[in-house]
Protein backbone atom coordinates (compact mmCIF):
# COMPACT_ATOMS: atom_id res chain seq x y z
CA UNK A 1 -23.68 -12.79 31.26
CA UNK A 2 -22.48 -9.33 31.97
CA UNK A 3 -24.16 -6.84 28.70
CA UNK A 4 -22.45 -3.44 27.97
CA UNK A 5 -23.59 -0.27 27.54
CA UNK A 6 -22.46 1.93 24.42
CA UNK A 7 -22.68 5.63 23.58
CA UNK A 8 -20.79 6.79 20.41
CA UNK A 9 -20.16 10.55 20.42
CA UNK A 10 -19.23 12.68 18.03
CA UNK A 11 -15.56 13.37 17.54
CA UNK A 12 -15.73 17.05 17.39
CA UNK A 13 -18.92 18.55 18.72
CA UNK A 14 -19.37 16.01 21.59
CA UNK A 15 -22.39 15.30 20.57
CA UNK A 16 -24.60 11.86 21.53
CA UNK A 17 -25.07 9.95 18.25
CA UNK A 18 -26.27 6.61 19.40
CA UNK A 19 -26.52 4.21 22.29
CA UNK A 20 -26.42 0.65 22.23
CA UNK A 21 -27.81 -1.33 25.31
CA UNK A 22 -27.28 -5.18 25.86
CA UNK A 23 -24.39 -4.86 23.61
CA UNK A 24 -22.07 -8.53 24.15
CA UNK A 25 -18.59 -8.64 26.16
CA UNK A 26 -17.09 -10.50 22.87
CA UNK A 27 -18.69 -7.89 20.20
CA UNK A 28 -15.39 -6.42 18.41
CA UNK A 29 -15.48 -3.14 17.09
CA UNK A 30 -16.42 -4.36 13.77
CA UNK A 31 -19.38 -5.59 14.92
CA UNK A 32 -19.77 -2.48 16.90
CA UNK A 33 -19.53 -0.26 13.49
CA UNK A 34 -21.88 -2.18 11.96
CA UNK A 35 -24.70 -2.04 15.09
CA UNK A 36 -24.03 2.13 14.66
CA UNK A 37 -24.68 2.40 10.62
CA UNK A 38 -28.43 0.80 11.25
CA UNK A 39 -29.07 3.89 13.15
CA UNK A 40 -27.08 5.99 10.48
CA UNK A 41 -27.18 4.52 7.30
CA UNK A 42 -25.10 7.27 6.16
CA UNK A 43 -22.21 6.36 8.03
CA UNK A 44 -20.86 2.78 6.59
CA UNK A 45 -18.39 0.74 8.84
CA UNK A 46 -15.70 1.74 6.49
CA UNK A 47 -16.23 5.25 6.76
CA UNK A 48 -16.27 5.05 10.57
CA UNK A 49 -13.15 5.88 12.93
CA UNK A 50 -14.08 4.48 16.08
CA UNK A 51 -11.57 5.54 18.73
CA UNK A 52 -11.62 5.63 22.93
CA UNK A 53 -10.30 9.62 22.55
CA UNK A 54 -11.79 12.30 20.54
CA UNK A 55 -7.84 12.66 19.49
CA UNK A 56 -6.77 9.24 19.60
CA UNK A 57 -5.90 6.42 17.20
CA UNK A 58 -8.95 4.50 15.45
CA UNK A 59 -10.01 1.19 16.68
CA UNK A 60 -8.87 -2.14 15.27
CA UNK A 61 -12.18 -4.30 13.74
CA UNK A 62 -11.50 -7.15 15.45
CA UNK A 63 -10.74 -5.30 18.64
CA UNK A 64 -12.96 -6.65 21.35
CA UNK A 65 -14.75 -4.72 23.96
CA UNK A 66 -14.27 -6.60 26.88
CA UNK A 67 -10.85 -6.45 26.52
CA UNK A 68 -10.99 -2.85 25.96
CA UNK A 69 -9.65 -0.50 28.57
CA UNK A 70 -13.91 0.50 28.86
CA UNK A 71 -16.58 0.27 31.87
CA UNK A 72 -19.25 -1.85 31.96
CA UNK A 73 -20.68 1.50 30.17
CA UNK A 74 -18.39 2.50 27.19
CA UNK A 75 -18.07 6.10 25.33
CA UNK A 76 -16.26 5.78 21.85
CA UNK A 77 -16.34 9.01 19.63
CA UNK A 78 -16.75 8.89 16.13
CA UNK A 79 -14.81 10.53 13.16
CA UNK A 80 -15.94 10.51 9.66
CA UNK A 81 -13.71 9.34 7.24
CA UNK A 82 -15.35 10.49 4.04
CA UNK A 83 -16.35 8.51 1.36
CA UNK A 84 -14.83 5.46 0.75
CA UNK A 85 -13.20 3.61 -2.54
CA UNK A 86 -11.76 -0.15 -2.32
CA UNK A 87 -7.94 -0.22 -2.52
CA UNK A 88 -8.54 -3.08 -5.91
CA UNK A 89 -10.72 -0.36 -7.40
CA UNK A 90 -8.15 2.37 -7.18
CA UNK A 91 -5.53 -0.29 -8.65
CA UNK A 92 -7.28 -1.68 -11.35
CA UNK A 93 -8.07 2.57 -12.39
CA UNK A 94 -4.53 2.87 -12.28
CA UNK A 95 -3.22 0.27 -13.50
CA UNK A 96 -5.58 0.33 -16.70
CA UNK A 97 -5.08 4.21 -16.63
CA UNK A 98 -1.57 4.18 -17.21
CA UNK A 99 -1.42 0.99 -19.52
CA UNK A 100 -3.34 3.29 -21.68
CA UNK A 101 -1.63 6.25 -22.04
CA UNK A 102 1.77 4.66 -21.87
CA UNK A 103 0.92 3.05 -25.02
CA UNK A 104 -0.23 5.83 -26.78
CA UNK A 105 2.53 8.13 -25.70
CA UNK A 106 5.50 5.49 -26.16
CA UNK A 107 4.08 4.83 -29.40
CA UNK A 108 3.69 8.06 -30.76
CA UNK A 109 7.11 9.23 -32.36
CA UNK A 110 9.38 6.81 -33.87
CA UNK A 111 11.72 4.89 -31.94
CA UNK A 112 14.31 2.12 -31.48
CA UNK A 113 14.06 -1.79 -30.03
CA UNK A 114 15.54 0.11 -26.59
CA UNK A 115 12.25 2.37 -26.78
CA UNK A 116 9.69 -0.44 -27.18
CA UNK A 117 11.64 -2.22 -24.19
CA UNK A 118 11.28 0.88 -22.03
CA UNK A 119 7.37 0.86 -22.92
CA UNK A 120 7.34 -2.79 -21.97
CA UNK A 121 8.80 -3.01 -18.49
CA UNK A 122 7.25 0.03 -17.44
CA UNK A 123 3.66 -1.26 -18.69
CA UNK A 124 4.66 -5.04 -17.31
CA UNK A 125 5.47 -3.42 -14.52
CA UNK A 126 1.24 -1.76 -13.36
CA UNK A 127 0.26 -5.27 -15.44
CA UNK A 128 1.70 -6.77 -12.68
CA UNK A 129 0.63 -4.92 -10.03
CA UNK A 130 -2.40 -4.89 -11.65
CA UNK A 131 -3.37 -8.48 -11.03
CA UNK A 132 -0.91 -8.72 -7.98
CA UNK A 133 -4.03 -6.64 -6.51
CA UNK A 134 -6.77 -9.33 -7.86
CA UNK A 135 -5.38 -12.25 -6.94
CA UNK A 136 -2.45 -11.80 -4.54
CA UNK A 137 -2.66 -8.96 -1.99
CA UNK A 138 -5.24 -9.60 1.23
CA UNK A 139 -5.34 -5.82 2.58
CA UNK A 140 -5.48 -4.75 6.18
CA UNK A 141 -7.50 -1.60 5.21
CA UNK A 142 -9.76 -2.53 2.41
CA UNK A 143 -10.68 1.38 1.56
CA UNK A 144 -9.00 4.43 1.28
CA UNK A 145 -10.50 8.18 0.96
CA UNK A 146 -12.42 8.60 -1.93
CA UNK A 147 -10.67 11.97 -3.02
CA UNK A 148 -7.20 10.24 -2.72
CA UNK A 149 -7.84 8.35 -6.34
CA UNK A 150 -7.74 12.51 -7.76
CA UNK A 151 -4.27 12.75 -6.03
CA UNK A 152 -3.23 9.46 -7.05
CA UNK A 153 -4.54 9.55 -10.47
CA UNK A 154 -2.27 12.63 -11.28
CA UNK A 155 1.06 11.05 -9.52
CA UNK A 156 1.07 8.62 -12.10
CA UNK A 157 0.32 9.18 -14.70
CA UNK A 158 0.96 12.83 -14.63
CA UNK A 159 4.93 10.74 -14.12
CA UNK A 160 3.87 8.28 -16.90
CA UNK A 161 3.38 11.25 -19.52
CA UNK A 162 6.50 13.53 -18.67
CA UNK A 163 8.81 10.38 -18.35
CA UNK A 164 7.15 9.15 -21.91
CA UNK A 165 7.28 12.51 -23.44
CA UNK A 166 11.19 12.88 -22.56
CA UNK A 167 12.30 9.29 -23.75
CA UNK A 168 10.37 9.57 -27.03
CA UNK A 169 11.46 13.29 -27.84
CA UNK A 170 13.35 13.03 -31.17
CA UNK A 171 16.36 15.05 -29.49
CA UNK A 172 16.77 12.44 -26.76
CA UNK A 173 19.58 10.74 -26.81
CA UNK A 174 20.32 7.11 -25.57
CA UNK A 175 22.45 5.44 -22.57
CA UNK A 176 25.71 6.60 -23.03
CA UNK A 177 26.93 3.02 -22.62
CA UNK A 178 24.48 1.46 -25.04
CA UNK A 179 23.16 -1.94 -25.51
CA UNK A 180 25.23 -3.37 -22.55
CA UNK A 181 24.23 -1.23 -20.27
CA UNK A 182 20.38 -1.63 -21.30
CA UNK A 183 20.48 -5.48 -20.73
CA UNK A 184 22.37 -4.95 -17.35
CA UNK A 185 19.27 -2.65 -16.79
CA UNK A 186 17.30 -5.18 -18.02
CA UNK A 187 18.57 -8.11 -15.74
CA UNK A 188 18.33 -5.62 -12.72
CA UNK A 189 15.01 -4.49 -13.13
CA UNK A 190 13.25 -8.54 -13.60
CA UNK A 191 15.48 -9.79 -10.79
CA UNK A 192 14.04 -7.60 -9.06
CA UNK A 193 10.54 -7.67 -10.09
CA UNK A 194 10.37 -11.35 -9.77
CA UNK A 195 11.80 -10.19 -5.44
CA UNK A 196 8.86 -8.03 -5.68
CA UNK A 197 5.97 -10.76 -6.68
CA UNK A 198 7.92 -13.28 -4.54
CA UNK A 199 7.78 -11.14 -1.34
CA UNK A 200 4.00 -9.84 -1.88
CA UNK A 201 3.34 -14.66 -2.26
CA UNK A 202 4.63 -14.85 1.40
CA UNK A 203 2.75 -11.97 3.00
CA UNK A 204 -0.17 -13.28 1.61
CA UNK A 205 0.66 -16.17 3.09
CA UNK A 206 0.79 -15.33 6.08
CA UNK A 207 -2.38 -13.71 6.27
CA UNK A 208 -5.79 -16.75 6.21
CA UNK A 209 -8.16 -15.70 3.66
CA UNK A 210 -10.90 -12.78 5.83
CA UNK A 211 -8.13 -13.04 8.17
CA UNK A 212 -6.55 -9.04 9.41
CA UNK A 213 -4.21 -11.66 11.50
CA UNK A 214 -0.52 -10.31 11.37
CA UNK A 215 2.58 -12.44 11.91
CA UNK A 216 6.15 -11.90 11.57
CA UNK A 217 7.48 -12.18 8.43
CA UNK A 218 10.12 -15.21 7.77
CA UNK A 219 12.48 -15.86 4.91
CA UNK A 220 11.26 -18.96 3.06
CA UNK A 221 12.66 -21.14 1.13
CA UNK A 222 12.54 -19.04 -1.96
CA UNK A 223 15.77 -17.61 -1.89
CA UNK A 224 14.01 -14.61 -3.05
CA UNK A 225 12.74 -13.61 0.71
CA UNK A 226 16.17 -14.72 2.70
CA UNK A 227 16.12 -10.56 2.50
CA UNK A 228 14.00 -10.77 5.08
CA UNK A 229 16.54 -11.37 7.48
CA UNK A 230 17.91 -8.40 6.87
CA UNK A 231 14.52 -5.89 6.18
CA UNK A 232 11.35 -5.36 7.48
CA UNK A 233 9.86 -4.15 3.74
CA UNK A 234 11.62 -6.32 1.23
CA UNK A 235 8.97 -5.74 -1.27
CA UNK A 236 9.86 -1.25 -1.18
CA UNK A 237 13.59 -2.70 -1.70
CA UNK A 238 13.41 -4.72 -4.61
CA UNK A 239 10.64 -1.86 -5.79
CA UNK A 240 13.39 0.11 -5.34
CA UNK A 241 15.75 -2.12 -7.28
CA UNK A 242 13.24 -2.17 -10.42
CA UNK A 243 12.85 1.80 -10.58
CA UNK A 244 16.78 2.10 -10.43
CA UNK A 245 16.88 -0.28 -13.24
CA UNK A 246 14.47 1.44 -15.19
CA UNK A 247 16.61 4.13 -14.35
CA UNK A 248 19.60 2.84 -15.44
CA UNK A 249 17.31 1.20 -19.09
CA UNK A 250 15.81 4.95 -19.79
CA UNK A 251 18.87 7.22 -18.69
CA UNK A 252 16.55 9.83 -18.29
CA UNK A 253 15.84 12.24 -15.70
CA UNK A 254 11.96 12.61 -15.43
CA UNK A 255 12.57 8.80 -14.65
CA UNK A 256 15.66 9.55 -11.82
CA UNK A 257 12.68 12.16 -10.19
CA UNK A 258 9.99 9.49 -10.52
CA UNK A 259 12.82 6.94 -8.38
CA UNK A 260 14.10 9.46 -6.17
CA UNK A 261 10.39 10.95 -4.80
CA UNK A 262 9.39 6.81 -4.81
CA UNK A 263 11.94 6.14 -2.87
CA UNK A 264 11.04 8.95 -0.57
CA UNK A 265 7.70 7.87 0.04
CA UNK A 266 8.35 4.15 -0.02
CA UNK A 267 11.17 5.16 3.10
CA UNK A 268 8.22 6.62 5.17
CA UNK A 269 5.99 3.74 5.11
CA UNK A 270 8.91 1.25 5.52
CA UNK A 271 9.26 2.46 8.83
CA UNK A 272 5.96 3.19 10.02
CA UNK A 273 5.82 -0.51 9.38
CA UNK A 274 8.73 -1.33 11.50
CA UNK A 275 7.68 0.72 14.19
CA UNK A 276 4.32 -1.45 14.12
CA UNK A 277 6.50 -4.61 13.80
CA UNK A 278 8.67 -3.45 17.28
CA UNK A 279 5.60 -2.41 19.04
CA UNK A 280 3.73 -5.40 18.24
CA UNK A 281 5.96 -7.98 18.29
CA UNK A 282 8.73 -8.29 21.43
CA UNK A 283 10.75 -11.31 19.69
CA UNK A 284 10.85 -9.11 16.65
CA UNK A 285 14.38 -9.83 14.99
CA UNK A 286 17.03 -6.87 15.78
CA UNK A 287 19.19 -6.67 13.25
CA UNK A 288 16.08 -6.02 10.74
CA UNK A 289 16.24 -2.14 8.64
CA UNK A 290 13.19 -0.67 6.91
CA UNK A 291 14.05 -0.96 3.52
CA UNK A 292 18.09 -0.52 3.59
CA UNK A 293 20.21 -3.43 5.23
CA UNK A 294 22.41 -2.00 7.56
CA UNK A 295 21.24 1.98 6.54
CA UNK A 296 17.65 2.84 6.62
């Protein structure tokens, strides 16, 4: 069997960091990362970005050496991604912090039942997100840069404090149409939360445990998944619907602003995933839009 020689260079300085001899042709990038880690313990696999070109995209862990456009002496470029933290840890910290913060702020003032309802809906959303992180999601990328945890916590905790302050302020006025508006908003919120959960279950079932396999998601017998006929990322569609419902329920400017910012970010993510689907699957359904049917 023909073996490969692999050299790994620093993407910035082009200095040789590692030379691997007699690497199996069917070795994956993930396995090469583990070999590299043995000679450089400070760079664990999740912290490594291995590329064919110094300014190119990171190779996937499942990419096989013999299937890459390299000779028997393969040259890769390494870039340090910085300290990493698992997505599970991130979402646990966010969820616990948000619910503790929300509960404290929402009970600070005397308020009516609909304010209790807003508190319950907000907490329910993040408890659901926390439980999904622990028991449902199978992440294609298990970690994120540690520095991002401070940005994420500032964003979510800051908005939670801002929303709770305004909703519970003594001068805050209830929704214009009273209980009818609140009931309609609650129905929209709960409907979209169930839809979001249904999509996450459908996406989970596409990926076997421990695998990073990607497949085209299709509708299942669950009616909430039928939106896959028109949208590539219906989890974001339902997420947007939930926050629109919450905005209608609270009729509060900070909540509307949070919904708008979230919609912009989710649109960026949805467009990126939509492009990836189109690039990876030639038979991808042509009628689908990234996040809003026929619009966006």
